[in-house]
Amino acid sequence: MNIIIVGCGKVGQTITQELVKEKNNITVIDINANNLRAVSDTDVMCITGNGATYAVQKEAGIESADLLIAVTDSDELNLLCCLITKKAGNCQTIARVRNPDYADELDADLGDVEEYLFSDEDEEDDISDEELDKLFGGFFKMLADSLE
């Protein structure tokens, strides 16, 4: 699968490492080049830029992507990434959303984002490996279900 991941904090790094193990073609986008260094030694393409812009998504290969996963530290940016993706390509999208205030709007099925990865609003990118395992065990099941 061709997968684009927007956001390369600890959450993005964990997702990237797991999906690389599954032999997927991964492109990671982050506005901070230093964050990309954490995954640059793996078999991924890294792009420094704003993942919510069409130009950067196009550079990442959005037209041929199967899935975009937006996991920056901004709910709004994650949702915008997915909305741009739906206009630019024909792939599924998953957005990380931490603010519970968005739950009602997202439950309204606005039709542009297939899945939402909910996590605590107070959760920081430096959460423990055990917490990541718990969170991503559910995430990877959701991912597998959404791709069937």
C-alpha atoms as a PDB file:
ATOM      1  CA  MET A   1       0.000   0.000   0.000  1.00  0.00           C
ATOM      2  CA  ASN A   2       1.030   3.596  -0.602  1.00  0.00           C
ATOM      3  CA  ILE A   3       0.583   5.462   2.675  1.00  0.00           C
ATOM      4  CA  ILE A   4       1.257   9.088   3.530  1.00  0.00           C
ATOM      5  CA  ILE A   5       1.741  10.051   7.176  1.00  0.00           C
ATOM      6  CA  VAL A   6       1.516  13.721   8.113  1.00  0.00           C
ATOM      7  CA  GLY A   7       3.252  14.458  11.416  1.00  0.00           C
ATOM      8  CA  CYS A   8       6.431  12.846  12.646  1.00  0.00           C
ATOM      9  CA  GLY A   9       6.286  13.262  16.402  1.00  0.00           C
ATOM     10  CA  LYS A  10       6.342  10.159  18.591  1.00  0.00           C
ATOM     11  CA  VAL A  11       2.916   9.091  17.331  1.00  0.00           C
ATOM     12  CA  GLY A  12       3.877   9.517  13.673  1.00  0.00           C
ATOM     13  CA  GLN A  13       7.187   7.758  14.243  1.00  0.00           C
ATOM     14  CA  THR A  14       5.461   4.788  15.881  1.00  0.00           C
ATOM     15  CA  ILE A  15       2.939   4.449  13.065  1.00  0.00           C
ATOM     16  CA  THR A  16       5.721   4.735  10.481  1.00  0.00           C
ATOM     17  CA  GLN A  17       7.822   2.025  12.147  1.00  0.00           C
ATOM     18  CA  GLU A  18       4.873  -0.363  12.358  1.00  0.00           C
ATOM     19  CA  LEU A  19       3.726   0.199   8.774  1.00  0.00           C
ATOM     20  CA  VAL A  20       7.267  -0.172   7.393  1.00  0.00           C
ATOM     21  CA  LYS A  21       7.405  -3.618   9.017  1.00  0.00           C
ATOM     22  CA  GLU A  22       4.365  -4.539   6.930  1.00  0.00           C
ATOM     23  CA  LYS A  23       6.281  -3.684   3.725  1.00  0.00           C
ATOM     24  CA  ASN A  24       4.148  -0.652   2.832  1.00  0.00           C
ATOM     25  CA  ASN A  25       5.420   2.263   0.757  1.00  0.00           C
ATOM     26  CA  ILE A  26       5.524   5.105   3.282  1.00  0.00           C
ATOM     27  CA  THR A  27       5.952   8.836   2.766  1.00  0.00           C
ATOM     28  CA  VAL A  28       6.236  10.997   5.880  1.00  0.00           C
ATOM     29  CA  ILE A  29       5.569  14.732   5.875  1.00  0.00           C
ATOM     30  CA  ASP A  30       6.521  17.090   8.684  1.00  0.00           C
ATOM     31  CA  ILE A  31       7.113  20.809   8.813  1.00  0.00           C
ATOM     32  CA  ASN A  32      10.186  20.232  10.988  1.00  0.00           C
ATOM     33  CA  ALA A  33      13.124  18.542   9.256  1.00  0.00           C
ATOM     34  CA  ASN A  34      14.569  17.513  12.642  1.00  0.00           C
ATOM     35  CA  ASN A  35      11.515  15.334  13.315  1.00  0.00           C
ATOM     36  CA  LEU A  36      12.030  13.510  10.028  1.00  0.00           C
ATOM     37  CA  ARG A  37      15.544  12.464  11.013  1.00  0.00           C
ATOM     38  CA  ALA A  38      14.038   9.949  13.438  1.00  0.00           C
ATOM     39  CA  VAL A  39      12.660   7.890  10.529  1.00  0.00           C
ATOM     40  CA  SER A  40      15.157   8.768   7.801  1.00  0.00           C
ATOM     41  CA  ASP A  41      17.149   5.589   8.423  1.00  0.00           C
ATOM     42  CA  THR A  42      14.115   3.449   7.584  1.00  0.00           C
ATOM     43  CA  ASP A  43      12.795   2.714   4.119  1.00  0.00           C
ATOM     44  CA  VAL A  44      10.561   5.801   3.875  1.00  0.00           C
ATOM     45  CA  MET A  45      10.451   8.931   1.783  1.00  0.00           C
ATOM     46  CA  CYS A  46      10.619  12.114   3.907  1.00  0.00           C
ATOM     47  CA  ILE A  47       9.259  15.487   2.854  1.00  0.00           C
ATOM     48  CA  THR A  48       9.713  18.687   4.823  1.00  0.00           C
ATOM     49  CA  GLY A  49       6.637  20.859   4.428  1.00  0.00           C
ATOM     50  CA  ASN A  50       3.067  21.602   5.394  1.00  0.00           C
ATOM     51  CA  GLY A  51       1.013  18.459   4.859  1.00  0.00           C
ATOM     52  CA  ALA A  52      -2.193  20.485   4.610  1.00  0.00           C
ATOM     53  CA  THR A  53      -1.137  22.044   1.310  1.00  0.00           C
ATOM     54  CA  TYR A  54      -1.980  20.514  -2.026  1.00  0.00           C
ATOM     55  CA  ALA A  55       1.538  21.142  -3.371  1.00  0.00           C
ATOM     56  CA  VAL A  56       3.170  19.120  -0.579  1.00  0.00           C
ATOM     57  CA  GLN A  57       0.576  16.354  -0.791  1.00  0.00           C
ATOM     58  CA  LYS A  58       1.126  16.198  -4.551  1.00  0.00           C
ATOM     59  CA  GLU A  59       4.893  15.932  -4.000  1.00  0.00           C
ATOM     60  CA  ALA A  60       4.170  13.065  -1.601  1.00  0.00           C
ATOM     61  CA  GLY A  61       2.155  11.254  -4.266  1.00  0.00           C
ATOM     62  CA  ILE A  62      -1.404  11.862  -3.127  1.00  0.00           C
ATOM     63  CA  GLU A  63      -2.815  10.922  -6.539  1.00  0.00           C
ATOM     64  CA  SER A  64      -1.612   7.336  -6.133  1.00  0.00           C
ATOM     65  CA  ALA A  65      -1.890   7.022  -2.342  1.00  0.00           C
ATOM     66  CA  ASP A  66      -4.193   4.473  -0.758  1.00  0.00           C
ATOM     67  CA  LEU A  67      -4.279   6.108   2.681  1.00  0.00           C
ATOM     68  CA  LEU A  68      -3.347   9.370   4.390  1.00  0.00           C
ATOM     69  CA  ILE A  69      -2.921   9.394   8.176  1.00  0.00           C
ATOM     70  CA  ALA A  70      -2.724  12.838   9.813  1.00  0.00           C
ATOM     71  CA  VAL A  71      -1.219  12.719  13.314  1.00  0.00           C
ATOM     72  CA  THR A  72       0.225  16.176  13.971  1.00  0.00           C
ATOM     73  CA  ASP A  73      -0.247  17.828  17.350  1.00  0.00           C
ATOM     74  CA  SER A  74      -3.070  19.975  15.895  1.00  0.00           C
ATOM     75  CA  ASP A  75      -6.576  18.552  15.507  1.00  0.00           C
ATOM     76  CA  GLU A  76      -7.472  21.288  13.056  1.00  0.00           C
ATOM     77  CA  LEU A  77      -4.422  20.647  10.894  1.00  0.00           C
ATOM     78  CA  ASN A  78      -5.134  16.900  10.899  1.00  0.00           C
ATOM     79  CA  LEU A  79      -8.720  17.472   9.770  1.00  0.00           C
ATOM     80  CA  LEU A  80      -7.627  19.991   7.128  1.00  0.00           C
ATOM     81  CA  CYS A  81      -5.044  17.525   5.786  1.00  0.00           C
ATOM     82  CA  CYS A  82      -7.790  14.961   5.324  1.00  0.00           C
ATOM     83  CA  LEU A  83     -10.157  17.432   3.658  1.00  0.00           C
ATOM     84  CA  ILE A  84      -7.456  18.512   1.191  1.00  0.00           C
ATOM     85  CA  THR A  85      -6.686  14.849   0.526  1.00  0.00           C
ATOM     86  CA  LYS A  86     -10.293  14.078  -0.332  1.00  0.00           C
ATOM     87  CA  LYS A  87     -10.294  16.920  -2.862  1.00  0.00           C
ATOM     88  CA  ALA A  88      -6.875  16.001  -4.301  1.00  0.00           C
ATOM     89  CA  GLY A  89      -6.903  12.225  -4.375  1.00  0.00           C
ATOM     90  CA  ASN A  90      -9.001   9.142  -4.073  1.00  0.00           C
ATOM     91  CA  CYS A  91      -7.649   7.616  -0.899  1.00  0.00           C
ATOM     92  CA  GLN A  92      -8.922   6.880   2.563  1.00  0.00           C
ATOM     93  CA  THR A  93      -8.067   9.206   5.424  1.00  0.00           C
ATOM     94  CA  ILE A  94      -7.536   8.918   9.157  1.00  0.00           C
ATOM     95  CA  ALA A  95      -7.203  11.970  11.420  1.00  0.00           C
ATOM     96  CA  ARG A  96      -5.889  12.057  14.980  1.00  0.00           C
ATOM     97  CA  VAL A  97      -8.336  14.128  17.045  1.00  0.00           C
ATOM     98  CA  ARG A  98      -7.675  14.900  20.713  1.00  0.00           C
ATOM     99  CA  ASN A  99     -10.211  17.606  21.548  1.00  0.00           C
ATOM    100  CA  PRO A 100     -13.510  16.081  22.722  1.00  0.00           C
ATOM    101  CA  ASP A 101     -15.343  19.239  21.566  1.00  0.00           C
ATOM    102  CA  TYR A 102     -15.098  17.904  18.010  1.00  0.00           C
ATOM    103  CA  ALA A 103     -16.835  14.613  18.826  1.00  0.00           C
ATOM    104  CA  ASP A 104     -20.371  15.813  17.971  1.00  0.00           C
ATOM    105  CA  GLU A 105     -19.284  17.349  14.684  1.00  0.00           C
ATOM    106  CA  LEU A 106     -17.375  14.225  13.712  1.00  0.00           C
ATOM    107  CA  ASP A 107     -20.300  12.007  14.654  1.00  0.00           C
ATOM    108  CA  ALA A 108     -22.437  14.010  12.220  1.00  0.00           C
ATOM    109  CA  ASP A 109     -20.681  12.081   9.423  1.00  0.00           C
ATOM    110  CA  LEU A 110     -19.485  15.009   7.367  1.00  0.00           C
ATOM    111  CA  GLY A 111     -18.406  12.509   4.749  1.00  0.00           C
ATOM    112  CA  ASP A 112     -14.811  13.557   4.134  1.00  0.00           C
ATOM    113  CA  VAL A 113     -12.808  11.640   6.734  1.00  0.00           C
ATOM    114  CA  GLU A 114     -13.379   7.899   7.077  1.00  0.00           C
ATOM    115  CA  GLU A 115     -11.832   7.323  10.486  1.00  0.00           C
ATOM    116  CA  TYR A 116     -10.774   9.307  13.511  1.00  0.00           C
ATOM    117  CA  LEU A 117      -8.068   8.272  15.943  1.00  0.00           C
ATOM    118  CA  PHE A 118      -9.219   9.695  19.268  1.00  0.00           C
ATOM    119  CA  SER A 119      -6.733  10.213  22.060  1.00  0.00           C
ATOM    120  CA  ASP A 120      -6.733  12.268  25.245  1.00  0.00           C
ATOM    121  CA  GLU A 121      -6.591  16.016  24.850  1.00  0.00           C
ATOM    122  CA  ASP A 122      -3.884  16.120  27.519  1.00  0.00           C
ATOM    123  CA  GLU A 123      -1.879  13.357  25.884  1.00  0.00           C
ATOM    124  CA  GLU A 124       1.527  14.596  24.831  1.00  0.00           C
ATOM    125  CA  ASP A 125       3.750  13.232  22.101  1.00  0.00           C
ATOM    126  CA  ASP A 126       6.120  11.870  24.748  1.00  0.00           C
ATOM    127  CA  ILE A 127       3.685   9.267  26.093  1.00  0.00           C
ATOM    128  CA  SER A 128       5.079   5.961  27.293  1.00  0.00           C
ATOM    129  CA  ASP A 129       5.666   2.998  25.010  1.00  0.00           C
ATOM    130  CA  GLU A 130       3.052   1.033  26.974  1.00  0.00           C
ATOM    131  CA  GLU A 131       0.446   3.736  26.335  1.00  0.00           C
ATOM    132  CA  LEU A 132       1.392   3.801  22.658  1.00  0.00           C
ATOM    133  CA  ASP A 133       0.990   0.021  22.425  1.00  0.00           C
ATOM    134  CA  LYS A 134      -2.481   0.261  23.951  1.00  0.00           C
ATOM    135  CA  LEU A 135      -3.477   3.138  21.670  1.00  0.00           C
ATOM    136  CA  PHE A 136      -2.034   1.630  18.505  1.00  0.00           C
ATOM    137  CA  GLY A 137      -3.312  -1.864  19.096  1.00  0.00           C
ATOM    138  CA  GLY A 138      -6.760  -0.365  18.545  1.00  0.00           C
ATOM    139  CA  PHE A 139      -5.508   1.899  15.773  1.00  0.00           C
ATOM    140  CA  PHE A 140      -4.073  -0.912  13.679  1.00  0.00           C
ATOM    141  CA  LYS A 141      -7.268  -2.935  14.074  1.00  0.00           C
ATOM    142  CA  MET A 142      -9.240   0.125  12.938  1.00  0.00           C
ATOM    143  CA  LEU A 143      -6.813   0.602  10.045  1.00  0.00           C
ATOM    144  CA  ALA A 144      -7.179  -3.004   8.934  1.00  0.00           C
ATOM    145  CA  ASP A 145     -10.973  -2.777   9.179  1.00  0.00           C
ATOM    146  CA  SER A 146     -11.101   0.442   7.167  1.00  0.00           C
ATOM    147  CA  LEU A 147      -9.040  -1.038   4.336  1.00  0.00           C
ATOM    148  CA  GLU A 148     -11.144  -4.162   3.883  1.00  0.00           C
END
